[in-house]
C-alpha atoms as a PDB file:
ATOM      1  CA  MET A   1     128.036 151.588 117.797  1.00  0.00           C
ATOM      2  CA  ASN A   2     130.245 149.375 115.213  1.00  0.00           C
ATOM      3  CA  GLN A   3     133.433 151.321 114.485  1.00  0.00           C
ATOM      4  CA  ARG A   4     133.726 149.258 111.328  1.00  0.00           C
ATOM      5  CA  ILE A   5     131.000 151.244 109.977  1.00  0.00           C
ATOM      6  CA  ILE A   6     131.923 154.944 111.294  1.00  0.00           C
ATOM      7  CA  ALA A   7     135.495 153.732 110.141  1.00  0.00           C
ATOM      8  CA  ALA A   8     134.413 153.268 106.230  1.00  0.00           C
ATOM      9  CA  ILE A   9     131.894 156.297 105.622  1.00  0.00           C
ATOM     10  CA  VAL A  10     134.732 158.091 107.231  1.00  0.00           C
ATOM     11  CA  ARG A  11     137.151 157.147 104.673  1.00  0.00           C
ATOM     12  CA  LYS A  12     134.445 157.508 101.734  1.00  0.00           C
ATOM     13  CA  ASP A  13     133.530 161.975 102.995  1.00  0.00           C
ATOM     14  CA  LEU A  14     137.841 162.063 103.070  1.00  0.00           C
ATOM     15  CA  ARG A  15     138.078 160.323  99.564  1.00  0.00           C
ATOM     16  CA  VAL A  16     135.312 162.517  98.055  1.00  0.00           C
ATOM     17  CA  VAL A  17     137.020 165.973 100.431  1.00  0.00           C
ATOM     18  CA  ARG A  18     140.056 165.343  98.366  1.00  0.00           C
ATOM     19  CA  ARG A  19     138.876 164.741  95.188  1.00  0.00           C
ATOM     20  CA  SER A  20     137.156 168.401  95.134  1.00  0.00           C
ATOM     21  CA  ARG A  21     139.212 171.242  93.942  1.00  0.00           C
ATOM     22  CA  ALA A  22     135.992 173.414  95.253  1.00  0.00           C
ATOM     23  CA  LEU A  23     136.415 171.934  98.903  1.00  0.00           C
ATOM     24  CA  MET A  24     140.548 171.746  98.714  1.00  0.00           C
ATOM     25  CA  THR A  25     140.728 175.170  97.572  1.00  0.00           C
ATOM     26  CA  PRO A  26     139.341 176.917 100.486  1.00  0.00           C
ATOM     27  CA  LEU A  27     141.438 174.204 103.253  1.00  0.00           C
ATOM     28  CA  ILE A  28     144.663 175.101 101.329  1.00  0.00           C
ATOM     29  CA  VAL A  29     144.248 178.367 100.632  1.00  0.00           C
ATOM     30  CA  LEU A  30     142.590 179.610 104.381  1.00  0.00           C
ATOM     31  CA  PRO A  31     145.467 177.518 106.405  1.00  0.00           C
ATOM     32  CA  VAL A  32     148.016 179.069 103.979  1.00  0.00           C
ATOM     33  CA  LEU A  33     147.072 182.063 104.910  1.00  0.00           C
ATOM     34  CA  LEU A  34     146.768 182.347 108.651  1.00  0.00           C
ATOM     35  CA  MET A  35     149.540 180.413 109.131  1.00  0.00           C
ATOM     36  CA  ILE A  36     152.291 181.269 106.677  1.00  0.00           C
ATOM     37  CA  VAL A  37     151.988 184.494 105.158  1.00  0.00           C
ATOM     38  CA  PHE A  38     150.659 186.913 107.665  1.00  0.00           C
ATOM     39  CA  PRO A  39     153.457 185.743 110.306  1.00  0.00           C
ATOM     40  CA  THR A  40     155.694 186.290 107.941  1.00  0.00           C
ATOM     41  CA  VAL A  41     154.872 189.672 106.535  1.00  0.00           C
ATOM     42  CA  PHE A  42     153.461 191.132 110.062  1.00  0.00           C
ATOM     43  CA  THR A  43     157.175 189.981 111.343  1.00  0.00           C
ATOM     44  CA  PHE A  44     159.021 191.618 108.858  1.00  0.00           C
ATOM     45  CA  LEU A  45     156.537 194.724 108.843  1.00  0.00           C
ATOM     46  CA  PRO A  46     158.783 197.664 110.350  1.00  0.00           C
ATOM     47  CA  ARG A  47     161.846 196.493 108.278  1.00  0.00           C
ATOM     48  CA  ILE A  48     159.384 195.864 104.997  1.00  0.00           C
ATOM     49  CA  ILE A  49     158.118 199.726 105.869  1.00  0.00           C
ATOM     50  CA  GLY A  50     161.581 201.157 106.228  1.00  0.00           C
ATOM     51  CA  GLY A  51     162.896 200.668 109.998  1.00  0.00           C
ATOM     52  CA  ALA A  52     161.244 204.140 110.500  1.00  0.00           C
ATOM     53  CA  ARG A  53     161.050 203.929 114.521  1.00  0.00           C
ATOM     54  CA  THR A  54     158.446 206.260 114.626  1.00  0.00           C
ATOM     55  CA  THR A  55     156.231 205.622 112.111  1.00  0.00           C
ATOM     56  CA  PHE A  56     155.929 202.104 114.095  1.00  0.00           C
ATOM     57  CA  SER A  57     156.342 204.561 118.008  1.00  0.00           C
ATOM     58  CA  GLU A  58     153.392 206.060 116.325  1.00  0.00           C
ATOM     59  CA  MET A  59     151.767 202.541 115.722  1.00  0.00           C
ATOM     60  CA  PHE A  60     152.268 201.283 119.369  1.00  0.00           C
ATOM     61  CA  ARG A  61     150.453 204.330 120.687  1.00  0.00           C
ATOM     62  CA  ASN A  62     147.287 203.608 119.010  1.00  0.00           C
ATOM     63  CA  LEU A  63     146.917 200.492 120.650  1.00  0.00           C
ATOM     64  CA  PRO A  64     144.804 199.239 123.692  1.00  0.00           C
ATOM     65  CA  ASP A  65     146.060 200.867 127.022  1.00  0.00           C
ATOM     66  CA  PRO A  66     146.265 197.464 128.238  1.00  0.00           C
ATOM     67  CA  MET A  67     147.951 195.865 125.568  1.00  0.00           C
ATOM     68  CA  LYS A  68     150.640 198.299 125.854  1.00  0.00           C
ATOM     69  CA  GLN A  69     150.826 198.046 130.243  1.00  0.00           C
ATOM     70  CA  GLN A  70     151.448 194.445 129.747  1.00  0.00           C
ATOM     71  CA  PHE A  71     153.360 194.535 127.182  1.00  0.00           C
ATOM     72  CA  GLY A  72     156.079 197.758 128.460  1.00  0.00           C
ATOM     73  CA  GLU A  73     157.617 200.419 126.030  1.00  0.00           C
ATOM     74  CA  PHE A  74     157.983 200.065 122.094  1.00  0.00           C
ATOM     75  CA  THR A  75     160.730 198.090 120.356  1.00  0.00           C
ATOM     76  CA  GLU A  76     160.775 195.836 117.558  1.00  0.00           C
ATOM     77  CA  ALA A  77     160.272 192.860 119.826  1.00  0.00           C
ATOM     78  CA  THR A  78     157.955 194.236 121.467  1.00  0.00           C
ATOM     79  CA  TRP A  79     155.872 194.493 118.607  1.00  0.00           C
ATOM     80  CA  ILE A  80     156.801 191.337 117.359  1.00  0.00           C
ATOM     81  CA  ARG A  81     155.626 189.660 120.760  1.00  0.00           C
ATOM     82  CA  VAL A  82     152.408 191.918 120.855  1.00  0.00           C
ATOM     83  CA  VAL A  83     151.600 190.802 116.749  1.00  0.00           C
ATOM     84  CA  HIS A  84     151.896 187.024 117.545  1.00  0.00           C
ATOM     85  CA  THR A  85     150.634 186.258 120.980  1.00  0.00           C
ATOM     86  CA  GLN A  86     148.033 188.767 121.042  1.00  0.00           C
ATOM     87  CA  MET A  87     146.907 190.090 117.853  1.00  0.00           C
ATOM     88  CA  LEU A  88     147.018 187.287 115.164  1.00  0.00           C
ATOM     89  CA  ALA A  89     146.582 184.393 117.877  1.00  0.00           C
ATOM     90  CA  PRO A  90     142.611 184.601 117.528  1.00  0.00           C
ATOM     91  CA  LEU A  91     142.694 183.920 113.906  1.00  0.00           C
ATOM     92  CA  MET A  92     144.314 181.196 114.046  1.00  0.00           C
ATOM     93  CA  LEU A  93     140.979 180.030 115.750  1.00  0.00           C
ATOM     94  CA  LEU A  94     139.264 180.147 111.732  1.00  0.00           C
ATOM     95  CA  VAL A  95     141.677 177.977 110.829  1.00  0.00           C
ATOM     96  CA  PRO A  96     139.673 174.410 112.721  1.00  0.00           C
ATOM     97  CA  PHE A  97     136.502 176.639 112.640  1.00  0.00           C
ATOM     98  CA  MET A  98     136.285 176.460 108.555  1.00  0.00           C
ATOM     99  CA  VAL A  99     137.667 173.412 108.195  1.00  0.00           C
ATOM    100  CA  ALA A 100     135.046 171.510 109.973  1.00  0.00           C
ATOM    101  CA  ASN A 101     132.348 174.204 108.608  1.00  0.00           C
ATOM    102  CA  VAL A 102     133.072 173.851 105.233  1.00  0.00           C
ATOM    103  CA  ILE A 103     133.709 169.621 105.347  1.00  0.00           C
ATOM    104  CA  ALA A 104     130.102 169.624 107.552  1.00  0.00           C
ATOM    105  CA  ALA A 105     128.322 171.157 105.226  1.00  0.00           C
ATOM    106  CA  ASP A 106     129.179 169.059 102.147  1.00  0.00           C
ATOM    107  CA  GLY A 107     128.347 166.086 105.039  1.00  0.00           C
ATOM    108  CA  PHE A 108     124.944 165.762 104.386  1.00  0.00           C
ATOM    109  CA  ALA A 109     123.927 169.105 101.772  1.00  0.00           C
ATOM    110  CA  GLY A 110     126.948 168.627  99.570  1.00  0.00           C
ATOM    111  CA  GLU A 111     126.069 164.074  99.245  1.00  0.00           C
ATOM    112  CA  ARG A 112     122.113 165.380  98.731  1.00  0.00           C
ATOM    113  CA  GLU A 113     123.360 167.557  95.940  1.00  0.00           C
ATOM    114  CA  ARG A 114     125.003 164.344  94.390  1.00  0.00           C
ATOM    115  CA  LYS A 115     122.576 162.591  94.935  1.00  0.00           C
ATOM    116  CA  THR A 116     124.704 160.211  96.395  1.00  0.00           C
ATOM    117  CA  LEU A 117     122.894 161.062  99.908  1.00  0.00           C
ATOM    118  CA  GLU A 118     119.778 157.912  99.631  1.00  0.00           C
ATOM    119  CA  PRO A 119     122.405 154.757  98.935  1.00  0.00           C
ATOM    120  CA  LEU A 120     123.911 156.456 102.484  1.00  0.00           C
ATOM    121  CA  LEU A 121     120.858 156.317 104.026  1.00  0.00           C
ATOM    122  CA  TYR A 122     119.548 152.642 103.309  1.00  0.00           C
ATOM    123  CA  THR A 123     123.073 151.209 104.120  1.00  0.00           C
ATOM    124  CA  PRO A 124     123.326 149.510 107.592  1.00  0.00           C
ATOM    125  CA  ALA A 125     124.645 152.447 109.937  1.00  0.00           C
ATOM    126  CA  THR A 126     122.166 153.140 112.760  1.00  0.00           C
ATOM    127  CA  ASP A 127     121.296 156.643 113.131  1.00  0.00           C
ATOM    128  CA  ALA A 128     124.016 157.245 115.463  1.00  0.00           C
ATOM    129  CA  GLU A 129     126.818 155.578 113.248  1.00  0.00           C
ATOM    130  CA  LEU A 130     126.263 158.123 110.377  1.00  0.00           C
ATOM    131  CA  PHE A 131     125.481 160.630 112.626  1.00  0.00           C
ATOM    132  CA  PHE A 132     129.493 160.545 114.895  1.00  0.00           C
ATOM    133  CA  ALA A 133     131.323 159.112 111.547  1.00  0.00           C
ATOM    134  CA  LYS A 134     129.550 162.946 109.529  1.00  0.00           C
ATOM    135  CA  LEU A 135     131.205 164.284 112.899  1.00  0.00           C
ATOM    136  CA  LEU A 136     134.182 162.532 112.630  1.00  0.00           C
ATOM    137  CA  ALA A 137     134.875 163.601 109.089  1.00  0.00           C
ATOM    138  CA  ALA A 138     134.800 167.105 109.812  1.00  0.00           C
ATOM    139  CA  TRP A 139     136.393 167.341 112.950  1.00  0.00           C
ATOM    140  CA  ILE A 140     139.648 165.238 112.856  1.00  0.00           C
ATOM    141  CA  PRO A 141     141.006 166.840 109.735  1.00  0.00           C
ATOM    142  CA  ALA A 142     140.138 170.342 111.068  1.00  0.00           C
ATOM    143  CA  VAL A 143     141.803 169.043 114.312  1.00  0.00           C
ATOM    144  CA  MET A 144     145.143 168.169 112.281  1.00  0.00           C
ATOM    145  CA  ILE A 145     145.583 170.732 109.934  1.00  0.00           C
ATOM    146  CA  ALA A 146     144.868 173.530 113.121  1.00  0.00           C
ATOM    147  CA  PHE A 147     148.002 171.483 115.017  1.00  0.00           C
ATOM    148  CA  GLY A 148     150.092 170.755 111.746  1.00  0.00           C
ATOM    149  CA  GLY A 149     149.353 174.684 111.000  1.00  0.00           C
ATOM    150  CA  ALA A 150     150.547 175.497 114.122  1.00  0.00           C
ATOM    151  CA  PHE A 151     153.735 174.023 114.233  1.00  0.00           C
ATOM    152  CA  ILE A 152     154.552 175.735 110.573  1.00  0.00           C
ATOM    153  CA  TYR A 153     153.333 178.869 112.697  1.00  0.00           C
ATOM    154  CA  ALA A 154     155.686 178.326 115.749  1.00  0.00           C
ATOM    155  CA  VAL A 155     158.802 177.501 112.982  1.00  0.00           C
ATOM    156  CA  ILE A 156     157.779 180.424 110.992  1.00  0.00           C
ATOM    157  CA  VAL A 157     158.003 183.159 113.975  1.00  0.00           C
ATOM    158  CA  ASN A 158     160.820 181.787 115.042  1.00  0.00           C
ATOM    159  CA  VAL A 159     162.403 181.584 112.170  1.00  0.00           C
ATOM    160  CA  THR A 160     161.966 185.432 111.257  1.00  0.00           C
ATOM    161  CA  ALA A 161     162.766 186.339 114.378  1.00  0.00           C
ATOM    162  CA  TRP A 162     165.449 184.967 114.971  1.00  0.00           C
ATOM    163  CA  PRO A 163     167.843 188.848 114.119  1.00  0.00           C
ATOM    164  CA  VAL A 164     165.421 190.218 116.498  1.00  0.00           C
ATOM    165  CA  MET A 165     164.726 188.355 119.531  1.00  0.00           C
ATOM    166  CA  HIS A 166     167.750 186.232 118.991  1.00  0.00           C
ATOM    167  CA  ARG A 167     166.199 183.196 121.310  1.00  0.00           C
ATOM    168  CA  VAL A 168     163.266 180.687 120.296  1.00  0.00           C
ATOM    169  CA  PHE A 169     160.496 182.462 121.779  1.00  0.00           C
ATOM    170  CA  PHE A 170     157.368 181.138 120.310  1.00  0.00           C
ATOM    171  CA  PRO A 171     154.859 179.686 121.552  1.00  0.00           C
ATOM    172  CA  ASP A 172     153.926 181.370 124.834  1.00  0.00           C
ATOM    173  CA  LEU A 173     151.283 179.384 127.333  1.00  0.00           C
ATOM    174  CA  THR A 174     148.282 181.160 126.221  1.00  0.00           C
ATOM    175  CA  TRP A 175     148.981 179.893 122.308  1.00  0.00           C
ATOM    176  CA  THR A 176     149.396 176.779 123.491  1.00  0.00           C
ATOM    177  CA  VAL A 177     146.611 176.196 125.754  1.00  0.00           C
ATOM    178  CA  MET A 178     144.190 177.839 122.012  1.00  0.00           C
ATOM    179  CA  VAL A 179     146.161 175.304 119.872  1.00  0.00           C
ATOM    180  CA  LEU A 180     145.677 172.360 122.404  1.00  0.00           C
ATOM    181  CA  TRP A 181     142.320 173.631 123.376  1.00  0.00           C
ATOM    182  CA  MET A 182     140.591 176.370 122.139  1.00  0.00           C
ATOM    183  CA  ALA A 183     141.035 174.683 118.634  1.00  0.00           C
ATOM    184  CA  PRO A 184     139.288 171.513 118.773  1.00  0.00           C
ATOM    185  CA  ALA A 185     136.686 173.311 120.674  1.00  0.00           C
ATOM    186  CA  PHE A 186     136.094 175.989 117.636  1.00  0.00           C
ATOM    187  CA  ALA A 187     136.010 172.721 115.534  1.00  0.00           C
ATOM    188  CA  ALA A 188     133.372 171.315 116.997  1.00  0.00           C
ATOM    189  CA  LEU A 189     131.523 174.447 117.399  1.00  0.00           C
ATOM    190  CA  GLY A 190     131.808 174.939 113.636  1.00  0.00           C
ATOM    191  CA  LEU A 191     131.277 171.068 112.786  1.00  0.00           C
ATOM    192  CA  ALA A 192     128.259 170.801 114.633  1.00  0.00           C
ATOM    193  CA  GLY A 193     126.633 174.057 113.986  1.00  0.00           C
ATOM    194  CA  MET A 194     126.892 173.092 110.047  1.00  0.00           C
ATOM    195  CA  LEU A 195     125.727 169.364 110.665  1.00  0.00           C
ATOM    196  CA  LEU A 196     122.374 170.844 112.015  1.00  0.00           C
ATOM    197  CA  VAL A 197     122.077 173.278 109.483  1.00  0.00           C
ATOM    198  CA  SER A 198     122.685 171.071 106.457  1.00  0.00           C
ATOM    199  CA  LEU A 199     120.099 168.568 107.274  1.00  0.00           C
ATOM    200  CA  ARG A 200     117.331 170.975 106.972  1.00  0.00           C
ATOM    201  CA  VAL A 201     118.112 172.313 103.672  1.00  0.00           C
ATOM    202  CA  ARG A 202     118.865 171.179 100.230  1.00  0.00           C
ATOM    203  CA  GLY A 203     122.143 172.016  98.912  1.00  0.00           C
ATOM    204  CA  MET A 204     125.813 173.322  99.659  1.00  0.00           C
ATOM    205  CA  GLN A 205     125.110 177.269  99.161  1.00  0.00           C
ATOM    206  CA  GLU A 206     121.984 177.829 101.218  1.00  0.00           C
ATOM    207  CA  ALA A 207     124.209 175.564 104.332  1.00  0.00           C
ATOM    208  CA  THR A 208     127.022 177.739 103.953  1.00  0.00           C
ATOM    209  CA  GLN A 209     124.948 180.523 104.155  1.00  0.00           C
ATOM    210  CA  LEU A 210     123.344 180.330 107.075  1.00  0.00           C
ATOM    211  CA  GLY A 211     126.252 177.718 108.582  1.00  0.00           C
ATOM    212  CA  GLY A 212     128.029 181.286 108.062  1.00  0.00           C
ATOM    213  CA  LEU A 213     126.388 182.388 111.411  1.00  0.00           C
ATOM    214  CA  PHE A 214     128.110 180.725 113.592  1.00  0.00           C
ATOM    215  CA  VAL A 215     131.727 181.806 112.964  1.00  0.00           C
ATOM    216  CA  LEU A 216     130.241 185.035 114.675  1.00  0.00           C
ATOM    217  CA  PRO A 217     131.642 183.757 117.871  1.00  0.00           C
ATOM    218  CA  VAL A 218     135.239 183.782 116.420  1.00  0.00           C
ATOM    219  CA  ILE A 219     134.610 186.790 114.624  1.00  0.00           C
ATOM    220  CA  ALA A 220     133.426 188.797 117.870  1.00  0.00           C
ATOM    221  CA  LEU A 221     137.192 187.267 119.614  1.00  0.00           C
ATOM    222  CA  VAL A 222     139.082 188.341 117.140  1.00  0.00           C
ATOM    223  CA  VAL A 223     137.399 191.830 117.398  1.00  0.00           C
ATOM    224  CA  GLY A 224     138.122 191.837 121.327  1.00  0.00           C
ATOM    225  CA  GLU A 225     141.420 190.683 121.097  1.00  0.00           C
ATOM    226  CA  VAL A 226     142.544 193.484 118.546  1.00  0.00           C
ATOM    227  CA  ARG A 227     140.558 196.262 120.440  1.00  0.00           C
ATOM    228  CA  GLY A 228     142.017 195.343 123.979  1.00  0.00           C
ATOM    229  CA  ALA A 229     138.539 194.947 124.924  1.00  0.00           C
ATOM    230  CA  VAL A 230     139.607 191.020 125.431  1.00  0.00           C
ATOM    231  CA  LEU A 231     143.635 190.174 126.428  1.00  0.00           C
ATOM    232  CA  LEU A 232     143.812 186.161 126.632  1.00  0.00           C
ATOM    233  CA  GLY A 233     145.388 185.079 128.868  1.00  0.00           C
ATOM    234  CA  PRO A 234     146.056 181.020 130.014  1.00  0.00           C
ATOM    235  CA  LEU A 235     143.562 180.935 132.401  1.00  0.00           C
ATOM    236  CA  ARG A 236     141.068 182.304 130.162  1.00  0.00           C
ATOM    237  CA  ALA A 237     141.660 180.669 127.074  1.00  0.00           C
ATOM    238  CA  ILE A 238     140.910 177.794 128.878  1.00  0.00           C
ATOM    239  CA  LEU A 239     137.900 179.173 130.367  1.00  0.00           C
ATOM    240  CA  ILE A 240     136.381 180.423 126.607  1.00  0.00           C
ATOM    241  CA  GLY A 241     137.242 176.738 125.398  1.00  0.00           C
ATOM    242  CA  LEU A 242     135.238 175.535 128.489  1.00  0.00           C
ATOM    243  CA  LEU A 243     132.391 177.818 127.645  1.00  0.00           C
ATOM    244  CA  VAL A 244     132.865 176.731 123.802  1.00  0.00           C
ATOM    245  CA  TRP A 245     132.900 173.340 124.476  1.00  0.00           C
ATOM    246  CA  ALA A 246     129.925 173.161 126.223  1.00  0.00           C
ATOM    247  CA  ILE A 247     128.257 175.167 123.712  1.00  0.00           C
ATOM    248  CA  ALA A 248     128.957 172.401 121.141  1.00  0.00           C
ATOM    249  CA  ALA A 249     128.198 169.806 122.917  1.00  0.00           C
ATOM    250  CA  ALA A 250     124.181 171.526 124.108  1.00  0.00           C
ATOM    251  CA  LEU A 251     124.542 171.480 119.794  1.00  0.00           C
ATOM    252  CA  LEU A 252     125.475 168.146 118.647  1.00  0.00           C
ATOM    253  CA  ALA A 253     123.399 166.560 121.671  1.00  0.00           C
ATOM    254  CA  PHE A 254     120.704 168.457 119.801  1.00  0.00           C
ATOM    255  CA  GLY A 255     121.514 167.188 116.973  1.00  0.00           C
ATOM    256  CA  ILE A 256     121.693 163.566 117.622  1.00  0.00           C
ATOM    257  CA  ARG A 257     118.468 163.774 119.444  1.00  0.00           C
ATOM    258  CA  ARG A 258     116.920 165.183 116.293  1.00  0.00           C
ATOM    259  CA  PHE A 259     119.153 163.287 113.198  1.00  0.00           C
ATOM    260  CA  ARG A 260     116.079 161.096 111.629  1.00  0.00           C
ATOM    261  CA  ARG A 261     117.029 159.436 107.988  1.00  0.00           C
ATOM    262  CA  THR A 262     113.322 158.845 107.527  1.00  0.00           C
ATOM    263  CA  THR A 263     113.298 162.508 107.709  1.00  0.00           C
ATOM    264  CA  LEU A 264     116.049 162.629 105.133  1.00  0.00           C
ATOM    265  CA  VAL A 265     115.162 160.239 102.521  1.00  0.00           C
ATOM    266  CA  GLY A 266     111.536 162.448 102.757  1.00  0.00           C
ATOM    267  CA  LYS A 267     113.845 165.570 101.784  1.00  0.00           C
ATOM    268  CA  LEU A 268     115.430 163.610  98.326  1.00  0.00           C
END
């Protein structure tokens, strides 16, 4: 494959994303909410409520039993560890997933709406080069935002929790595995599903609606974690990430076999 052609298409797509307010808004709002607002609010929650120990003791007693057994007796430090290493951890996976999902939706469906898909299809790029360029244009920013957001998240947690923890305690090994291994996998899953959908629909709205179905695995993981049905550890995080990588790879392999620009030209 011609790397120069792929790089040119990737740069063109990223310029379109940067200039589009409709695309940039969710790409900014979601990471800010999940990576900055949530960790700050949940760290200060005991102090926001007023430091009523009995209130938070009751909240802790209502947590799933596996979570209470893992973290021991209730203290404010225990609350902070539970919130950031377990309850909020899966939400971090929504960031790369949704970023890749939004950009991938624009990959073909958005091009079709802007009437820019036809010139792209008549470029010298092969089908494989065009397909992989669209993948990279969504996957690279999703992973970069996930890594950058995770670093900011860790800094915020350690700074806001310092009066209670008196040490740098975050991230732990499980959270590090989630960032470095699971986040890129969920980004790949999001863009693989959305690109397959975008190839078959005519507009961004339809692509977004159908592509939203692929967020269900992330929601299931979040719900399972909060309810205590799933307690993530390093090994479990590696295995879940491996499963997600396998599903994403299968979807991408299916997509590259089915992708033909002649089909897209027929839908213009």
